[in-house]
Every structure is written in C-alpha cells, then in structure tokens.
Protein backbone atom coordinates (compact mmCIF):
# COMPACT_ATOMS: atom_id res chain seq x y z
CA MET A 1 -9.42 8.16 -9.51
CA ILE A 2 -6.52 5.92 -10.52
CA HIS A 3 -3.23 7.59 -11.49
CA ASP A 4 -0.53 5.52 -13.15
CA ASP A 5 1.82 8.49 -12.83
CA VAL A 6 2.95 9.34 -9.28
CA THR A 7 3.27 13.04 -10.20
CA GLU A 8 -0.42 13.17 -11.17
CA PHE A 9 -1.25 11.32 -7.94
CA ALA A 10 0.73 13.91 -5.96
CA SER A 11 -1.18 16.81 -7.52
CA ALA A 12 -4.51 15.11 -6.69
CA LEU A 13 -3.68 14.91 -2.97
CA PRO A 14 -4.87 17.56 -0.51
CA PRO A 15 -2.08 19.01 1.65
CA MET A 16 -1.28 17.81 5.19
CA ARG A 17 -3.25 14.56 5.04
CA ALA A 18 -1.96 11.03 5.50
CA ILE A 19 -1.88 8.41 2.75
CA ALA A 20 -2.04 4.62 2.98
CA GLY A 21 0.04 1.88 1.42
CA LEU A 22 -1.46 -1.52 0.60
CA ASP A 23 0.28 -4.82 -0.04
CA LEU A 24 -2.38 -6.95 -1.75
CA GLY A 25 -1.85 -10.65 -1.35
CA THR A 26 -4.12 -13.53 -2.25
CA LYS A 27 -4.87 -14.27 1.43
CA THR A 28 -4.16 -10.94 3.13
CA ILE A 29 -3.95 -7.18 2.63
CA GLY A 30 -1.13 -5.44 4.45
CA VAL A 31 -1.99 -1.86 5.45
CA ALA A 32 0.44 0.92 6.33
CA VAL A 33 -0.21 4.62 6.88
CA SER A 34 1.85 7.79 6.73
CA ASP A 35 1.88 10.76 9.05
CA GLY A 36 0.16 13.98 7.96
CA LEU A 37 3.44 15.41 6.63
CA ARG A 38 3.87 12.27 4.51
CA SER A 39 7.40 11.61 5.67
CA VAL A 40 7.19 8.29 7.56
CA ALA A 41 5.33 5.07 6.76
CA THR A 42 4.11 3.01 9.71
CA PRO A 43 2.84 -0.59 9.49
CA LEU A 44 -0.77 -0.66 10.71
CA GLU A 45 -2.50 -4.02 10.31
CA THR A 46 -3.14 -7.03 8.12
CA ILE A 47 -6.62 -7.79 6.85
CA LYS A 48 -7.44 -11.46 6.28
CA ARG A 49 -9.07 -11.59 2.86
CA LYS A 50 -12.54 -13.06 2.54
CA LYS A 51 -14.28 -11.59 -0.49
CA PHE A 52 -13.94 -8.22 -2.17
CA THR A 53 -17.01 -6.60 -0.60
CA LEU A 54 -15.97 -7.49 2.95
CA ASP A 55 -12.30 -6.62 2.37
CA ALA A 56 -13.29 -3.27 0.83
CA GLU A 57 -15.63 -2.48 3.75
CA GLN A 58 -12.78 -3.01 6.22
CA LEU A 59 -10.45 -0.85 4.14
CA VAL A 60 -12.99 1.97 3.75
CA ALA A 61 -13.50 1.96 7.54
CA ILE A 62 -9.72 2.24 8.15
CA LEU A 63 -9.38 5.02 5.55
CA ALA A 64 -12.31 6.99 6.99
CA LYS A 65 -11.19 6.62 10.61
CA ARG A 66 -7.69 7.88 9.78
CA GLU A 67 -8.86 10.49 7.23
CA ILE A 68 -6.63 9.01 4.53
CA ALA A 69 -6.24 11.22 1.43
CA GLY A 70 -4.85 8.68 -1.06
CA ILE A 71 -3.74 5.09 -1.55
CA VAL A 72 -0.49 3.64 -2.86
CA LEU A 73 -1.06 0.07 -4.05
CA GLY A 74 1.93 -2.23 -4.38
CA LEU A 75 2.17 -3.47 -7.98
CA PRO A 76 3.75 -6.95 -8.05
CA ARG A 77 5.71 -6.75 -11.31
CA ASN A 78 7.79 -9.68 -12.50
CA MET A 79 11.54 -9.35 -11.94
CA ASP A 80 11.99 -8.35 -15.62
CA GLY A 81 9.53 -5.46 -15.10
CA SER A 82 6.67 -7.03 -17.03
CA GLU A 83 3.16 -7.33 -15.63
CA GLY A 84 1.61 -10.73 -15.04
CA ALA A 85 -1.63 -12.06 -13.59
CA ARG A 86 -0.99 -10.61 -10.11
CA CYS A 87 -0.61 -7.11 -11.57
CA GLN A 88 -3.87 -7.54 -13.48
CA SER A 89 -5.55 -8.63 -10.25
CA THR A 90 -4.16 -5.57 -8.40
CA ARG A 91 -5.36 -3.21 -11.15
CA ALA A 92 -8.81 -4.86 -11.07
CA PHE A 93 -8.93 -4.40 -7.27
CA ALA A 94 -8.13 -0.69 -7.74
CA ARG A 95 -10.86 -0.27 -10.40
CA ASN A 96 -13.44 -1.98 -8.18
CA PHE A 97 -12.34 -0.03 -5.11
CA THR A 98 -12.84 3.34 -6.86
CA ARG A 99 -16.58 2.59 -6.85
CA LEU A 100 -16.53 2.62 -3.03
CA TRP A 101 -13.89 5.25 -2.26
CA GLU A 102 -13.33 8.58 -3.99
CA GLY A 103 -9.69 9.35 -3.16
CA PRO A 104 -6.80 9.10 -5.60
CA ILE A 105 -5.01 5.75 -6.04
CA THR A 106 -1.60 5.09 -7.56
CA PHE A 107 0.67 2.09 -7.97
CA TRP A 108 4.20 1.52 -6.71
CA ASP A 109 6.57 -1.17 -7.92
CA GLU A 110 6.73 -3.55 -5.00
CA ARG A 111 9.44 -5.91 -6.25
CA LEU A 112 11.45 -7.14 -3.29
CA SER A 113 9.39 -5.24 -0.68
CA THR A 114 8.48 -8.50 1.08
CA VAL A 115 12.12 -9.61 0.90
CA ALA A 116 13.22 -6.32 2.48
CA ALA A 117 10.53 -6.60 5.17
CA GLU A 118 11.55 -10.19 5.94
CA ARG A 119 15.20 -9.17 6.21
CA ALA A 120 14.36 -6.30 8.59
CA LEU A 121 12.27 -8.61 10.78
CA LEU A 122 15.05 -11.21 10.85
CA GLU A 123 17.57 -8.53 11.82
CA ALA A 124 15.22 -7.51 14.63
CA ASP A 125 15.29 -11.17 15.77
CA THR A 126 11.53 -11.53 15.31
CA SER A 127 10.17 -15.04 15.89
CA ARG A 128 8.88 -17.03 12.91
CA LYS A 129 5.31 -16.88 14.28
CA ARG A 130 5.46 -13.11 14.78
CA ARG A 131 7.03 -12.59 11.33
CA ALA A 132 4.09 -14.43 9.74
CA GLU A 133 1.68 -12.14 11.62
CA VAL A 134 3.31 -8.85 10.62
CA ILE A 135 5.09 -9.45 7.29
CA ASP A 136 2.26 -8.09 5.12
CA HIS A 137 1.80 -4.76 6.87
CA VAL A 138 5.57 -4.34 7.21
CA ALA A 139 5.84 -4.95 3.44
CA ALA A 140 3.06 -2.37 2.94
CA SER A 141 5.15 0.15 4.88
CA TYR A 142 8.14 -0.50 2.57
CA ILE A 143 5.88 0.13 -0.44
CA LEU A 144 4.47 3.30 1.12
CA GLN A 145 7.89 4.60 2.22
CA GLY A 146 9.21 4.23 -1.33
CA ALA A 147 6.30 6.29 -2.63
CA LEU A 148 6.66 8.88 0.16
CA ASP A 149 10.34 9.34 -0.69
CA ARG A 150 9.42 9.85 -4.36
CA LEU A 151 6.62 12.31 -3.45
CA ARG A 152 9.09 14.32 -1.38
CA HIS A 153 11.34 14.73 -4.45
CA ILE A 154 8.39 15.82 -6.61
CA GLY A 155 7.63 18.60 -4.12
CA SER A 156 11.17 19.95 -4.03
C-alpha cells in the first residue's frame, strides 16, 4: 500500500525489520537498506534499468532476501516544491510495484540528495569512475537516512 504520509507509513511497518530506500533514475535504481532498528542507512547496490518487469523482479529478490518491511522512494520534486514529470513517473512506478510486492511504500523529498552524495564522495577523494558507479545507491542512502531520522521522531 502507498502512503503519502510518513506517519501512516510508520504505523504500517512491523517492528524490528529493515526498510529500503530507492533512488529511481531513468537509467538506474539506487538501493539502500537500513538495519533492523531503522537507525542507519547503508548503500547497497545500483540496478541498471532495463524494463519495469525485469527491474521489479530484481528489486523483489533484494527485498525478499533481506526481509525488507517497507520502501521509501525518493520523490524528485522541482526546487520550488512542485511535482513534474519525474514525480509522476516515480508515483507510477510505485503503483505498478504494489502489484508485485505487498509491503508499505512512502515517498521522501529527494531534492539535493544526489548533490549531497556527490559532495560526500568528493570529500572522500573518490575517483570519477568510482563515483559514477556508486552515486545512485549513495543517493538512495541519503534519501533513506532522511526518512529514518523522521521515523525516529515519530516514535518518540
């Protein structure tokens, strides 16, 4: 089920299970996962996009293997907060994905997550080639960490 409200998403999650963060791009999907206590987001991998069915199969396999309880999808809003074509595409992905996976899904404003990820990789003196390989799942971890921090405040 898709929850636009993070509080509703939080109440739909079973306790002590990890959640995943996704950074949906046109060519790749960055995947990050949390620990069972939902305190730390860790970059996991980047899926090269082919077509929805194949991408979804790979995602479902990752979610099942790691017993993921919910998904936080980065929502690429425009800088003024409005939603454009990329947001519509992300929402459509979520709707289609709910036919294949039963867990709760929510959205998280991902503005500047890739910028933050790029900055962190530059500060770590990561080579250009390596940055290109990891940027999407590092961005996914920024998205997920933002949501985890918010979820922690809901619980307290």
